[in-house]
């Protein structure tokens, strides 16, 4: 179980970091980073106190809080997420264009 948690943390932190830099899937990655940091806080860093130099949780807490902010606010104006088309009311763009064509 511990190896699975380490692998999950490594994937979230490496791939998630790359996606955050690119500005792709920012709300999802922010949520995953926040959950990852909550696990790191509870299972690894909490017994060591607050300060990083003693293996504490202050940096983990900051990174987790930033993950929550990214999950809530999403990507900025200069991100790849801005180029992904949004769906209205759960319909895909194709279904919406077909219904408009048939209504004419």
Protein backbone atom coordinates (compact mmCIF):
# COMPACT_ATOMS: atom_id res chain seq x y z
CA UNK A 1 0.00 0.00 0.00
CA UNK A 2 2.83 2.40 0.79
CA UNK A 3 4.42 1.84 -2.63
CA UNK A 4 1.11 2.63 -4.35
CA UNK A 5 0.86 5.88 -2.40
CA UNK A 6 4.41 6.83 -3.32
CA UNK A 7 3.77 6.10 -6.98
CA UNK A 8 0.53 8.11 -6.93
CA UNK A 9 2.27 11.04 -5.27
CA UNK A 10 5.14 10.94 -7.75
CA UNK A 11 2.81 10.86 -10.76
CA UNK A 12 0.58 13.66 -9.43
CA UNK A 13 3.54 15.85 -8.57
CA UNK A 14 5.52 15.26 -11.79
CA UNK A 15 2.73 15.13 -14.38
CA UNK A 16 0.59 17.60 -12.46
CA UNK A 17 3.47 20.05 -12.27
CA UNK A 18 4.00 19.83 -16.01
CA UNK A 19 0.29 20.33 -16.66
CA UNK A 20 0.17 23.33 -14.31
CA UNK A 21 3.13 24.93 -16.08
CA UNK A 22 1.41 24.37 -19.43
CA UNK A 23 -1.91 25.61 -18.08
CA UNK A 24 -3.76 22.44 -19.05
CA UNK A 25 -6.51 20.87 -16.90
CA UNK A 26 -5.68 23.32 -14.12
CA UNK A 27 -8.79 22.82 -11.90
CA UNK A 28 -8.44 19.03 -11.97
CA UNK A 29 -4.70 19.13 -11.30
CA UNK A 30 -5.22 21.66 -8.51
CA UNK A 31 -7.67 19.32 -6.82
CA UNK A 32 -5.34 16.34 -7.20
CA UNK A 33 -2.40 18.32 -5.79
CA UNK A 34 -4.52 19.45 -2.82
CA UNK A 35 -5.55 15.85 -2.07
CA UNK A 36 -1.95 14.67 -2.51
CA UNK A 37 -0.68 17.31 -0.09
CA UNK A 38 -3.41 16.47 2.43
CA UNK A 39 -2.16 12.88 2.41
CA UNK A 40 1.44 14.03 2.77
CA UNK A 41 0.44 16.26 5.68
CA UNK A 42 -1.51 13.57 7.52
CA UNK A 43 0.72 10.56 6.90
CA UNK A 44 4.24 12.01 6.75
CA UNK A 45 4.76 15.59 7.90
CA UNK A 46 2.32 16.21 10.78
CA UNK A 47 4.37 14.41 13.47
CA UNK A 48 7.45 16.47 12.59
CA UNK A 49 6.01 19.84 13.56
CA UNK A 50 5.57 22.97 11.52
CA UNK A 51 8.96 23.91 10.14
CA UNK A 52 10.44 22.45 6.94
CA UNK A 53 13.97 22.14 8.30
CA UNK A 54 12.68 19.48 10.71
CA UNK A 55 10.58 17.73 8.05
CA UNK A 56 7.48 19.67 9.07
CA UNK A 57 4.36 20.59 7.18
CA UNK A 58 4.58 24.30 6.39
CA UNK A 59 5.55 23.85 2.71
CA UNK A 60 3.07 21.01 2.27
CA UNK A 61 0.33 23.23 3.69
CA UNK A 62 1.18 26.08 1.30
CA UNK A 63 1.28 23.80 -1.75
CA UNK A 64 -2.04 22.22 -0.72
CA UNK A 65 -3.63 25.64 -0.26
CA UNK A 66 -2.41 26.71 -3.71
CA UNK A 67 -3.92 23.52 -5.14
CA UNK A 68 -7.28 24.52 -3.66
CA UNK A 69 -6.91 28.01 -5.16
CA UNK A 70 -6.11 26.57 -8.60
CA UNK A 71 -9.04 24.15 -8.32
CA UNK A 72 -11.38 27.01 -7.47
CA UNK A 73 -10.15 29.73 -9.82
CA UNK A 74 -8.92 27.66 -12.74
CA UNK A 75 -6.38 28.73 -15.30
CA UNK A 76 -5.40 32.26 -16.22
CA UNK A 77 -5.80 34.11 -19.48
CA UNK A 78 -2.55 32.73 -20.97
CA UNK A 79 -3.19 29.02 -20.58
CA UNK A 80 -3.94 26.08 -22.84
CA UNK A 81 -7.25 25.62 -21.00
CA UNK A 82 -8.57 28.79 -22.70
CA UNK A 83 -8.34 27.08 -26.10
CA UNK A 84 -10.50 24.12 -25.08
CA UNK A 85 -14.10 24.73 -26.20
CA UNK A 86 -16.68 24.73 -23.42
CA UNK A 87 -19.91 22.75 -23.59
CA UNK A 88 -23.20 24.40 -22.74
CA UNK A 89 -25.74 22.34 -20.78
CA UNK A 90 -23.70 19.17 -21.16
CA UNK A 91 -24.19 19.00 -24.94
CA UNK A 92 -21.26 18.60 -27.26
CA UNK A 93 -20.66 21.20 -29.95
CA UNK A 94 -21.69 18.75 -32.69
CA UNK A 95 -25.03 17.94 -31.09
CA UNK A 96 -25.76 21.64 -30.65
CA UNK A 97 -24.93 22.43 -34.28
CA UNK A 98 -27.12 19.57 -35.55
CA UNK A 99 -30.10 20.74 -33.52
CA UNK A 100 -29.71 24.27 -34.85
CA UNK A 101 -29.49 23.03 -38.44
CA UNK A 102 -32.58 20.82 -38.13
CA UNK A 103 -34.57 23.63 -36.47
CA UNK A 104 -34.20 25.87 -39.55
